[in-house]
Amino acid sequence: QATLIAMAFYSGVVVVDVLLIHWMQGANHRLHAAREEGRRLAEESARLAARTDLLFQELQHRVGNNLQMVAAVLSMQLRGLEEPTARRAISDAVQRVQVIGSIQRRLYRSNGELVPLDDFVGEVCDQLMISSGRPGITCSVKAASGLVLPPDAAVPMALILAEALANAMEHGFIDRDAGRVDVVLEHEA
């Protein structure tokens, strides 16, 4: 009878071991399948992200090209104009379209990264000074580092800055060929 109990106990242990091994193999198979599904989803996500990035870059390229085309058409119209007010208006429009194109190329990135304001304002001022045709007038930018601006707020800010600089050059330097415009950016809490 002791042998029978030992055999029954041994059989029970073997059955439990076999069931545990079976459950562990099933769990390993499910884990492997889940890892494969995760890998497949990650690859698909990477492909979609790359495609989205490519489409975004293409869209931005086309927008930039369209803005250049608008500036070129306005410049062609400018050549045929004799009236000074009309020439100035078209010239201002060309300058603004060029500034918007430059801003657009600088700002809109697919990663949504915020724009460092000191670099951005410096670049806008440099471009405006170059396009003004008045090499004796310079622009100095003083801005605290670390200030950032989301792209949707940077375009209106740049257009306001462009208008302010154009007014400063038009009205502040009427009889002067040289001078400096100071742009100061401060953060107020």
N, C-alpha and C. Protein backbone atom coordinates (compact mmCIF):
# COMPACT_ATOMS: atom_id res chain seq x y z
N GLN A 1 0.81 -1.17 0.00
CA GLN A 1 0.00 0.00 0.00
C GLN A 1 0.88 1.27 0.00
N ALA A 2 1.98 1.28 0.64
CA ALA A 2 2.88 2.42 0.65
C ALA A 2 3.40 2.67 -0.76
N THR A 3 3.62 1.61 -1.51
CA THR A 3 4.09 1.77 -2.89
C THR A 3 3.01 2.44 -3.73
N LEU A 4 1.78 2.07 -3.50
CA LEU A 4 0.66 2.65 -4.24
C LEU A 4 0.53 4.16 -3.93
N ILE A 5 0.70 4.51 -2.70
CA ILE A 5 0.62 5.93 -2.31
C ILE A 5 1.79 6.69 -2.94
N ALA A 6 2.97 6.11 -2.91
CA ALA A 6 4.14 6.76 -3.49
C ALA A 6 3.95 6.94 -4.99
N MET A 7 3.39 5.90 -5.68
CA MET A 7 3.15 5.99 -7.12
C MET A 7 2.09 7.05 -7.43
N ALA A 8 1.06 7.12 -6.62
CA ALA A 8 0.01 8.12 -6.83
C ALA A 8 0.57 9.53 -6.62
N PHE A 9 1.38 9.67 -5.57
CA PHE A 9 2.00 10.96 -5.31
C PHE A 9 2.93 11.35 -6.47
N TYR A 10 3.75 10.39 -6.92
CA TYR A 10 4.68 10.63 -8.03
C TYR A 10 3.90 11.00 -9.29
N SER A 11 2.81 10.28 -9.58
CA SER A 11 1.97 10.56 -10.75
C SER A 11 1.38 11.97 -10.65
N GLY A 12 0.95 12.34 -9.47
CA GLY A 12 0.40 13.68 -9.27
C GLY A 12 1.43 14.76 -9.52
N VAL A 13 2.66 14.55 -9.02
CA VAL A 13 3.74 15.52 -9.24
C VAL A 13 4.06 15.63 -10.72
N VAL A 14 4.11 14.49 -11.42
CA VAL A 14 4.41 14.51 -12.86
C VAL A 14 3.31 15.24 -13.62
N VAL A 15 2.05 14.98 -13.30
CA VAL A 15 0.93 15.66 -13.97
C VAL A 15 1.01 17.17 -13.73
N VAL A 16 1.26 17.57 -12.51
CA VAL A 16 1.39 19.01 -12.20
C VAL A 16 2.56 19.61 -12.96
N ASP A 17 3.71 18.92 -13.02
CA ASP A 17 4.88 19.42 -13.76
C ASP A 17 4.55 19.58 -15.25
N VAL A 18 3.88 18.57 -15.81
CA VAL A 18 3.52 18.63 -17.23
C VAL A 18 2.56 19.79 -17.48
N LEU A 19 1.57 19.99 -16.61
CA LEU A 19 0.64 21.11 -16.77
C LEU A 19 1.35 22.45 -16.65
N LEU A 20 2.28 22.57 -15.69
CA LEU A 20 3.04 23.82 -15.54
C LEU A 20 3.88 24.10 -16.78
N ILE A 21 4.53 23.06 -17.30
CA ILE A 21 5.35 23.24 -18.51
C ILE A 21 4.46 23.65 -19.67
N HIS A 22 3.30 23.03 -19.81
CA HIS A 22 2.37 23.37 -20.88
C HIS A 22 1.92 24.83 -20.75
N TRP A 23 1.55 25.27 -19.56
CA TRP A 23 1.11 26.65 -19.35
C TRP A 23 2.25 27.63 -19.62
N MET A 24 3.46 27.27 -19.20
CA MET A 24 4.61 28.15 -19.44
C MET A 24 4.91 28.26 -20.94
N GLN A 25 4.81 27.15 -21.68
CA GLN A 25 5.03 27.20 -23.12
C GLN A 25 3.95 28.07 -23.79
N GLY A 26 2.72 27.94 -23.35
CA GLY A 26 1.64 28.79 -23.89
C GLY A 26 1.90 30.26 -23.61
N ALA A 27 2.36 30.55 -22.38
CA ALA A 27 2.67 31.94 -22.03
C ALA A 27 3.83 32.46 -22.87
N ASN A 28 4.86 31.62 -23.11
CA ASN A 28 5.99 32.02 -23.95
C ASN A 28 5.54 32.28 -25.39
N HIS A 29 4.65 31.43 -25.90
CA HIS A 29 4.14 31.65 -27.26
C HIS A 29 3.36 32.95 -27.35
N ARG A 30 2.51 33.23 -26.35
CA ARG A 30 1.74 34.48 -26.35
C ARG A 30 2.68 35.69 -26.23
N LEU A 31 3.72 35.57 -25.39
CA LEU A 31 4.69 36.65 -25.23
C LEU A 31 5.41 36.90 -26.55
N HIS A 32 5.84 35.82 -27.21
CA HIS A 32 6.53 35.95 -28.49
C HIS A 32 5.61 36.61 -29.52
N ALA A 33 4.34 36.18 -29.57
CA ALA A 33 3.38 36.77 -30.51
C ALA A 33 3.16 38.26 -30.20
N ALA A 34 3.08 38.60 -28.93
CA ALA A 34 2.89 40.00 -28.54
C ALA A 34 4.11 40.83 -28.92
N ARG A 35 5.31 40.29 -28.74
CA ARG A 35 6.52 41.01 -29.13
C ARG A 35 6.56 41.22 -30.64
N GLU A 36 6.20 40.20 -31.39
CA GLU A 36 6.17 40.32 -32.85
C GLU A 36 5.15 41.37 -33.29
N GLU A 37 4.00 41.37 -32.65
CA GLU A 37 2.98 42.36 -32.97
C GLU A 37 3.47 43.76 -32.63
N GLY A 38 4.14 43.89 -31.49
CA GLY A 38 4.70 45.19 -31.10
C GLY A 38 5.76 45.65 -32.09
N ARG A 39 6.63 44.75 -32.52
CA ARG A 39 7.66 45.08 -33.50
C ARG A 39 7.01 45.51 -34.82
N ARG A 40 5.99 44.76 -35.25
CA ARG A 40 5.30 45.08 -36.49
C ARG A 40 4.64 46.45 -36.41
N LEU A 41 3.99 46.72 -35.28
CA LEU A 41 3.34 48.03 -35.09
C LEU A 41 4.36 49.16 -35.05
N ALA A 42 5.51 48.90 -34.42
CA ALA A 42 6.56 49.93 -34.36
C ALA A 42 7.09 50.22 -35.76
N GLU A 43 7.30 49.17 -36.57
CA GLU A 43 7.77 49.37 -37.94
C GLU A 43 6.74 50.14 -38.75
N GLU A 44 5.47 49.79 -38.59
CA GLU A 44 4.40 50.48 -39.32
C GLU A 44 4.32 51.94 -38.88
N SER A 45 4.46 52.18 -37.59
CA SER A 45 4.43 53.54 -37.07
C SER A 45 5.60 54.35 -37.63
N ALA A 46 6.79 53.74 -37.70
CA ALA A 46 7.96 54.42 -38.24
C ALA A 46 7.75 54.75 -39.72
N ARG A 47 7.16 53.82 -40.47
CA ARG A 47 6.89 54.08 -41.89
C ARG A 47 5.89 55.23 -42.04
N LEU A 48 4.85 55.22 -41.21
CA LEU A 48 3.85 56.29 -41.29
C LEU A 48 4.46 57.64 -40.89
N ALA A 49 5.31 57.63 -39.86
CA ALA A 49 5.96 58.88 -39.43
C ALA A 49 6.88 59.41 -40.54
N ALA A 50 7.62 58.52 -41.18
CA ALA A 50 8.50 58.94 -42.27
C ALA A 50 7.68 59.50 -43.43
N ARG A 51 6.57 58.86 -43.74
CA ARG A 51 5.72 59.33 -44.83
C ARG A 51 5.11 60.68 -44.48
N THR A 52 4.63 60.82 -43.26
CA THR A 52 4.05 62.09 -42.82
C THR A 52 5.09 63.20 -42.88
N ASP A 53 6.31 62.90 -42.44
CA ASP A 53 7.39 63.89 -42.47
C ASP A 53 7.70 64.29 -43.91
N LEU A 54 7.76 63.31 -44.79
CA LEU A 54 8.03 63.58 -46.20
C LEU A 54 6.92 64.45 -46.81
N LEU A 55 5.67 64.12 -46.52
CA LEU A 55 4.55 64.91 -47.04
C LEU A 55 4.58 66.34 -46.48
N PHE A 56 4.93 66.47 -45.20
CA PHE A 56 5.01 67.79 -44.59
C PHE A 56 6.11 68.61 -45.26
N GLN A 57 7.27 67.99 -45.48
CA GLN A 57 8.38 68.69 -46.12
C GLN A 57 8.00 69.11 -47.54
N GLU A 58 7.32 68.23 -48.26
CA GLU A 58 6.89 68.56 -49.62
C GLU A 58 5.90 69.72 -49.60
N LEU A 59 4.97 69.70 -48.66
CA LEU A 59 4.01 70.79 -48.54
C LEU A 59 4.72 72.11 -48.27
N GLN A 60 5.67 72.10 -47.34
CA GLN A 60 6.39 73.32 -47.01
C GLN A 60 7.22 73.81 -48.20
N HIS A 61 7.80 72.87 -48.95
CA HIS A 61 8.56 73.23 -50.14
C HIS A 61 7.65 73.91 -51.16
N ARG A 62 6.46 73.35 -51.35
CA ARG A 62 5.52 73.95 -52.31
C ARG A 62 5.04 75.31 -51.86
N VAL A 63 4.78 75.46 -50.57
CA VAL A 63 4.38 76.77 -50.06
C VAL A 63 5.48 77.79 -50.30
N GLY A 64 6.73 77.39 -50.00
CA GLY A 64 7.86 78.28 -50.24
C GLY A 64 7.99 78.66 -51.70
N ASN A 65 7.83 77.68 -52.60
CA ASN A 65 7.90 77.95 -54.03
C ASN A 65 6.78 78.90 -54.47
N ASN A 66 5.59 78.69 -53.94
CA ASN A 66 4.48 79.56 -54.29
C ASN A 66 4.72 81.00 -53.83
N LEU A 67 5.29 81.14 -52.64
CA LEU A 67 5.59 82.50 -52.16
C LEU A 67 6.67 83.15 -53.02
N GLN A 68 7.65 82.38 -53.44
CA GLN A 68 8.67 82.93 -54.33
C GLN A 68 8.05 83.36 -55.66
N MET A 69 7.11 82.56 -56.15
CA MET A 69 6.44 82.88 -57.41
C MET A 69 5.64 84.18 -57.26
N VAL A 70 4.94 84.35 -56.16
CA VAL A 70 4.19 85.58 -55.92
C VAL A 70 5.14 86.77 -55.89
N ALA A 71 6.25 86.63 -55.19
CA ALA A 71 7.23 87.73 -55.12
C ALA A 71 7.79 88.04 -56.51
N ALA A 72 8.05 87.01 -57.31
CA ALA A 72 8.57 87.23 -58.66
C ALA A 72 7.55 87.95 -59.55
N VAL A 73 6.28 87.55 -59.45
CA VAL A 73 5.24 88.21 -60.25
C VAL A 73 5.11 89.67 -59.83
N LEU A 74 5.14 89.92 -58.53
CA LEU A 74 5.06 91.31 -58.07
C LEU A 74 6.28 92.11 -58.53
N SER A 75 7.44 91.50 -58.52
CA SER A 75 8.65 92.19 -58.98
C SER A 75 8.56 92.53 -60.46
N MET A 76 7.98 91.62 -61.25
CA MET A 76 7.79 91.91 -62.68
C MET A 76 6.83 93.08 -62.87
N GLN A 77 5.78 93.14 -62.06
CA GLN A 77 4.84 94.26 -62.13
C GLN A 77 5.52 95.57 -61.74
N LEU A 78 6.44 95.48 -60.82
CA LEU A 78 7.15 96.66 -60.33
C LEU A 78 7.97 97.32 -61.45
N ARG A 79 8.52 96.51 -62.34
CA ARG A 79 9.36 97.04 -63.43
C ARG A 79 8.59 97.98 -64.35
N GLY A 80 7.32 97.71 -64.53
CA GLY A 80 6.53 98.53 -65.46
C GLY A 80 5.89 99.75 -64.82
N LEU A 81 6.07 99.95 -63.54
CA LEU A 81 5.42 101.06 -62.86
C LEU A 81 6.33 102.29 -62.81
N GLU A 82 5.75 103.44 -63.05
CA GLU A 82 6.48 104.70 -62.98
C GLU A 82 6.06 105.52 -61.76
N GLU A 83 4.81 105.39 -61.35
CA GLU A 83 4.26 106.19 -60.27
C GLU A 83 4.90 105.79 -58.93
N PRO A 84 5.50 106.74 -58.20
CA PRO A 84 6.26 106.41 -56.99
C PRO A 84 5.44 105.73 -55.89
N THR A 85 4.21 106.15 -55.67
CA THR A 85 3.39 105.54 -54.62
C THR A 85 3.09 104.08 -54.94
N ALA A 86 2.76 103.83 -56.20
CA ALA A 86 2.48 102.45 -56.63
C ALA A 86 3.75 101.60 -56.54
N ARG A 87 4.88 102.17 -56.96
CA ARG A 87 6.15 101.43 -56.88
C ARG A 87 6.47 101.06 -55.43
N ARG A 88 6.27 102.03 -54.52
CA ARG A 88 6.56 101.77 -53.11
C ARG A 88 5.62 100.70 -52.55
N ALA A 89 4.35 100.76 -52.93
CA ALA A 89 3.38 99.77 -52.44
C ALA A 89 3.73 98.37 -52.93
N ILE A 90 4.06 98.25 -54.21
CA ILE A 90 4.42 96.93 -54.76
C ILE A 90 5.74 96.47 -54.17
N SER A 91 6.68 97.37 -54.01
CA SER A 91 7.97 97.02 -53.41
C SER A 91 7.78 96.53 -51.98
N ASP A 92 6.93 97.21 -51.23
CA ASP A 92 6.63 96.77 -49.86
C ASP A 92 5.98 95.39 -49.86
N ALA A 93 5.08 95.16 -50.82
CA ALA A 93 4.43 93.84 -50.91
C ALA A 93 5.44 92.75 -51.23
N VAL A 94 6.36 93.02 -52.15
CA VAL A 94 7.41 92.05 -52.47
C VAL A 94 8.23 91.73 -51.23
N GLN A 95 8.60 92.78 -50.52
CA GLN A 95 9.41 92.59 -49.31
C GLN A 95 8.65 91.75 -48.29
N ARG A 96 7.38 92.02 -48.09
CA ARG A 96 6.59 91.27 -47.11
C ARG A 96 6.43 89.80 -47.52
N VAL A 97 6.19 89.57 -48.79
CA VAL A 97 6.07 88.18 -49.26
C VAL A 97 7.39 87.44 -49.07
N GLN A 98 8.50 88.12 -49.35
CA GLN A 98 9.82 87.49 -49.15
C GLN A 98 10.06 87.20 -47.67
N VAL A 99 9.67 88.12 -46.81
CA VAL A 99 9.82 87.90 -45.37
C VAL A 99 8.95 86.74 -44.91
N ILE A 100 7.71 86.68 -45.39
CA ILE A 100 6.83 85.57 -45.02
C ILE A 100 7.42 84.25 -45.49
N GLY A 101 7.95 84.22 -46.71
CA GLY A 101 8.57 83.00 -47.22
C GLY A 101 9.75 82.57 -46.39
N SER A 102 10.56 83.54 -46.01
CA SER A 102 11.72 83.23 -45.17
C SER A 102 11.28 82.74 -43.80
N ILE A 103 10.29 83.39 -43.24
CA ILE A 103 9.77 82.99 -41.93
C ILE A 103 9.20 81.58 -42.02
N GLN A 104 8.45 81.33 -43.06
CA GLN A 104 7.82 80.02 -43.25
C GLN A 104 8.88 78.92 -43.31
N ARG A 105 9.95 79.15 -44.05
CA ARG A 105 11.00 78.13 -44.14
C ARG A 105 11.69 77.93 -42.80
N ARG A 106 11.84 79.00 -42.05
CA ARG A 106 12.54 78.91 -40.77
C ARG A 106 11.67 78.28 -39.68
N LEU A 107 10.36 78.55 -39.73
CA LEU A 107 9.49 78.17 -38.63
C LEU A 107 8.92 76.78 -38.69
N TYR A 108 8.37 76.45 -39.82
CA TYR A 108 7.52 75.26 -39.85
C TYR A 108 8.32 74.00 -40.07
N ARG A 109 8.49 73.29 -38.96
CA ARG A 109 9.18 72.01 -38.98
C ARG A 109 8.18 70.97 -38.51
N SER A 110 8.39 69.75 -38.99
CA SER A 110 7.42 68.70 -38.66
C SER A 110 7.47 68.31 -37.19
N ASN A 111 8.56 68.61 -36.52
CA ASN A 111 8.67 68.17 -35.12
C ASN A 111 7.99 69.13 -34.14
N GLY A 112 7.44 70.26 -34.63
CA GLY A 112 6.71 71.17 -33.77
C GLY A 112 7.59 71.91 -32.77
N GLU A 113 8.88 71.90 -33.00
CA GLU A 113 9.83 72.53 -32.09
C GLU A 113 9.56 74.03 -31.99
N LEU A 114 9.66 74.56 -30.78
CA LEU A 114 9.44 75.99 -30.57
C LEU A 114 10.64 76.78 -31.07
N VAL A 115 10.40 78.01 -31.47
CA VAL A 115 11.43 78.84 -32.08
C VAL A 115 12.13 79.68 -31.02
N PRO A 116 13.48 79.60 -30.96
CA PRO A 116 14.21 80.50 -30.05
C PRO A 116 14.06 81.94 -30.56
N LEU A 117 13.49 82.77 -29.75
CA LEU A 117 13.12 84.12 -30.18
C LEU A 117 14.32 85.00 -30.52
N ASP A 118 15.40 84.88 -29.78
CA ASP A 118 16.55 85.74 -30.06
C ASP A 118 17.13 85.44 -31.44
N ASP A 119 17.29 84.17 -31.80
CA ASP A 119 17.80 83.82 -33.13
C ASP A 119 16.83 84.24 -34.22
N PHE A 120 15.55 83.97 -33.99
CA PHE A 120 14.54 84.25 -35.00
C PHE A 120 14.46 85.75 -35.30
N VAL A 121 14.37 86.56 -34.28
CA VAL A 121 14.26 88.01 -34.49
C VAL A 121 15.52 88.55 -35.14
N GLY A 122 16.67 88.02 -34.75
CA GLY A 122 17.93 88.43 -35.39
C GLY A 122 17.93 88.13 -36.88
N GLU A 123 17.46 86.94 -37.25
CA GLU A 123 17.41 86.58 -38.67
C GLU A 123 16.42 87.45 -39.43
N VAL A 124 15.26 87.69 -38.84
CA VAL A 124 14.26 88.54 -39.51
C VAL A 124 14.83 89.94 -39.71
N CYS A 125 15.45 90.49 -38.69
CA CYS A 125 16.03 91.84 -38.81
C CYS A 125 17.12 91.87 -39.88
N ASP A 126 17.99 90.86 -39.89
CA ASP A 126 19.05 90.80 -40.90
C ASP A 126 18.46 90.79 -42.32
N GLN A 127 17.45 89.96 -42.53
CA GLN A 127 16.84 89.87 -43.85
C GLN A 127 16.18 91.18 -44.25
N LEU A 128 15.52 91.82 -43.30
CA LEU A 128 14.87 93.09 -43.61
C LEU A 128 15.89 94.18 -43.92
N MET A 129 16.99 94.18 -43.21
CA MET A 129 18.02 95.18 -43.47
C MET A 129 18.64 94.96 -44.85
N ILE A 130 18.87 93.71 -45.22
CA ILE A 130 19.44 93.41 -46.53
C ILE A 130 18.48 93.83 -47.64
N SER A 131 17.20 93.50 -47.45
CA SER A 131 16.22 93.80 -48.49
C SER A 131 15.85 95.28 -48.55
N SER A 132 16.23 96.07 -47.55
CA SER A 132 15.86 97.49 -47.55
C SER A 132 16.65 98.30 -48.57
N GLY A 133 17.82 97.80 -48.97
CA GLY A 133 18.63 98.55 -49.92
C GLY A 133 19.30 99.76 -49.30
N ARG A 134 19.41 99.77 -47.98
CA ARG A 134 20.05 100.89 -47.29
C ARG A 134 21.16 100.32 -46.40
N PRO A 135 22.33 100.06 -47.00
CA PRO A 135 23.40 99.38 -46.27
C PRO A 135 23.96 100.15 -45.08
N GLY A 136 23.75 101.44 -45.02
CA GLY A 136 24.27 102.22 -43.91
C GLY A 136 23.42 102.10 -42.64
N ILE A 137 22.24 101.57 -42.76
CA ILE A 137 21.36 101.42 -41.60
C ILE A 137 21.47 99.98 -41.11
N THR A 138 21.76 99.83 -39.84
CA THR A 138 21.91 98.49 -39.26
C THR A 138 20.83 98.25 -38.21
N CYS A 139 20.73 97.01 -37.82
CA CYS A 139 19.74 96.64 -36.81
C CYS A 139 20.45 95.85 -35.72
N SER A 140 20.24 96.26 -34.51
CA SER A 140 20.83 95.58 -33.35
C SER A 140 19.69 94.92 -32.58
N VAL A 141 19.87 93.63 -32.26
CA VAL A 141 18.84 92.89 -31.53
C VAL A 141 19.39 92.51 -30.16
N LYS A 142 18.64 92.87 -29.14
CA LYS A 142 18.99 92.48 -27.77
C LYS A 142 17.79 91.70 -27.23
N ALA A 143 18.03 90.41 -26.98
CA ALA A 143 16.94 89.56 -26.50
C ALA A 143 17.48 88.58 -25.48
N ALA A 144 16.71 88.35 -24.47
CA ALA A 144 17.10 87.35 -23.48
C ALA A 144 17.10 85.98 -24.14
N SER A 145 18.10 85.19 -23.84
CA SER A 145 18.12 83.84 -24.41
C SER A 145 17.14 82.96 -23.64
N GLY A 146 16.69 81.95 -24.30
CA GLY A 146 15.75 81.02 -23.67
C GLY A 146 14.30 81.35 -23.90
N LEU A 147 14.02 82.53 -24.47
CA LEU A 147 12.64 82.86 -24.81
C LEU A 147 12.25 82.09 -26.07
N VAL A 148 11.08 81.50 -26.06
CA VAL A 148 10.61 80.75 -27.22
C VAL A 148 9.24 81.25 -27.63
N LEU A 149 8.90 80.99 -28.87
CA LEU A 149 7.63 81.42 -29.42
C LEU A 149 7.10 80.31 -30.31
N PRO A 150 5.84 79.92 -30.13
CA PRO A 150 5.30 78.89 -31.03
C PRO A 150 5.17 79.46 -32.45
N PRO A 151 5.30 78.60 -33.46
CA PRO A 151 5.27 79.09 -34.85
C PRO A 151 4.04 79.90 -35.20
N ASP A 152 2.87 79.55 -34.67
CA ASP A 152 1.67 80.30 -35.04
C ASP A 152 1.66 81.72 -34.48
N ALA A 153 2.48 81.99 -33.48
CA ALA A 153 2.59 83.35 -32.96
C ALA A 153 3.77 84.10 -33.57
N ALA A 154 4.74 83.37 -34.12
CA ALA A 154 5.93 84.00 -34.66
C ALA A 154 5.66 84.74 -35.97
N VAL A 155 4.78 84.22 -36.81
CA VAL A 155 4.50 84.89 -38.09
C VAL A 155 3.91 86.28 -37.86
N PRO A 156 2.84 86.43 -37.07
CA PRO A 156 2.33 87.78 -36.84
C PRO A 156 3.37 88.70 -36.17
N MET A 157 4.14 88.14 -35.24
CA MET A 157 5.16 88.95 -34.58
C MET A 157 6.20 89.42 -35.60
N ALA A 158 6.60 88.54 -36.53
CA ALA A 158 7.58 88.93 -37.54
C ALA A 158 7.02 89.98 -38.49
N LEU A 159 5.76 89.87 -38.84
CA LEU A 159 5.15 90.89 -39.71
C LEU A 159 5.05 92.24 -39.01
N ILE A 160 4.74 92.22 -37.72
CA ILE A 160 4.71 93.47 -36.95
C ILE A 160 6.12 94.06 -36.89
N LEU A 161 7.10 93.21 -36.65
CA LEU A 161 8.50 93.66 -36.61
C LEU A 161 8.91 94.25 -37.96
N ALA A 162 8.51 93.59 -39.06
CA ALA A 162 8.85 94.08 -40.39
C ALA A 162 8.23 95.46 -40.63
N GLU A 163 6.99 95.62 -40.22
CA GLU A 163 6.33 96.91 -40.39
C GLU A 163 7.01 97.99 -39.54
N ALA A 164 7.36 97.64 -38.31
CA ALA A 164 8.03 98.61 -37.43
C ALA A 164 9.39 99.02 -38.01
N LEU A 165 10.15 98.06 -38.50
CA LEU A 165 11.45 98.39 -39.09
C LEU A 165 11.29 99.22 -40.36
N ALA A 166 10.32 98.87 -41.20
CA ALA A 166 10.09 99.65 -42.42
C ALA A 166 9.72 101.09 -42.07
N ASN A 167 8.86 101.25 -41.07
CA ASN A 167 8.49 102.60 -40.64
C ASN A 167 9.68 103.35 -40.06
N ALA A 168 10.51 102.65 -39.28
CA ALA A 168 11.70 103.30 -38.70
C ALA A 168 12.63 103.79 -39.80
N MET A 169 12.83 102.97 -40.82
CA MET A 169 13.73 103.38 -41.91
C MET A 169 13.11 104.48 -42.77
N GLU A 170 11.80 104.38 -42.99
CA GLU A 170 11.13 105.35 -43.85
C GLU A 170 11.00 106.71 -43.17
N HIS A 171 10.66 106.71 -41.89
CA HIS A 171 10.40 107.98 -41.21
C HIS A 171 11.55 108.43 -40.30
N GLY A 172 12.31 107.50 -39.78
CA GLY A 172 13.38 107.87 -38.85
C GLY A 172 14.69 108.21 -39.52
N PHE A 173 14.85 107.78 -40.76
CA PHE A 173 16.12 108.00 -41.46
C PHE A 173 15.87 108.68 -42.81
N ILE A 174 15.00 109.67 -42.82
CA ILE A 174 14.64 110.35 -44.07
C ILE A 174 15.86 111.01 -44.70
N ASP A 175 16.59 111.78 -43.93
CA ASP A 175 17.72 112.55 -44.47
C ASP A 175 19.07 111.94 -44.08
N ARG A 176 19.08 110.68 -43.65
CA ARG A 176 20.34 110.07 -43.22
C ARG A 176 20.57 108.77 -43.99
N ASP A 177 21.82 108.54 -44.30
CA ASP A 177 22.18 107.30 -44.99
C ASP A 177 22.70 106.25 -44.02
N ALA A 178 22.94 106.64 -42.78
CA ALA A 178 23.48 105.69 -41.82
C ALA A 178 22.74 105.84 -40.49
N GLY A 179 22.77 104.78 -39.73
CA GLY A 179 22.14 104.78 -38.42
C GLY A 179 21.90 103.36 -37.94
N ARG A 180 21.30 103.27 -36.78
CA ARG A 180 21.04 101.95 -36.20
C ARG A 180 19.65 101.91 -35.59
N VAL A 181 18.97 100.80 -35.83
CA VAL A 181 17.68 100.54 -35.20
C VAL A 181 17.92 99.49 -34.13
N ASP A 182 17.50 99.76 -32.91
CA ASP A 182 17.66 98.81 -31.82
C ASP A 182 16.33 98.10 -31.56
N VAL A 183 16.39 96.78 -31.52
CA VAL A 183 15.22 95.96 -31.20
C VAL A 183 15.53 95.27 -29.88
N VAL A 184 14.70 95.50 -28.89
CA VAL A 184 14.91 94.92 -27.55
C VAL A 184 13.70 94.06 -27.21
N LEU A 185 13.98 92.81 -26.86
CA LEU A 185 12.92 91.88 -26.46
C LEU A 185 13.09 91.57 -24.99
N GLU A 186 12.03 91.78 -24.24
CA GLU A 186 12.06 91.49 -22.81
C GLU A 186 10.86 90.63 -22.46
N HIS A 187 11.03 89.84 -21.46
CA HIS A 187 9.94 88.99 -20.97
C HIS A 187 9.36 89.61 -19.71
N GLU A 188 8.06 89.86 -19.73
CA GLU A 188 7.40 90.38 -18.54
C GLU A 188 6.48 89.33 -18.00
N ALA A 189 6.60 89.05 -16.74
CA ALA A 189 5.78 88.00 -16.11
C ALA A 189 4.42 88.50 -15.76
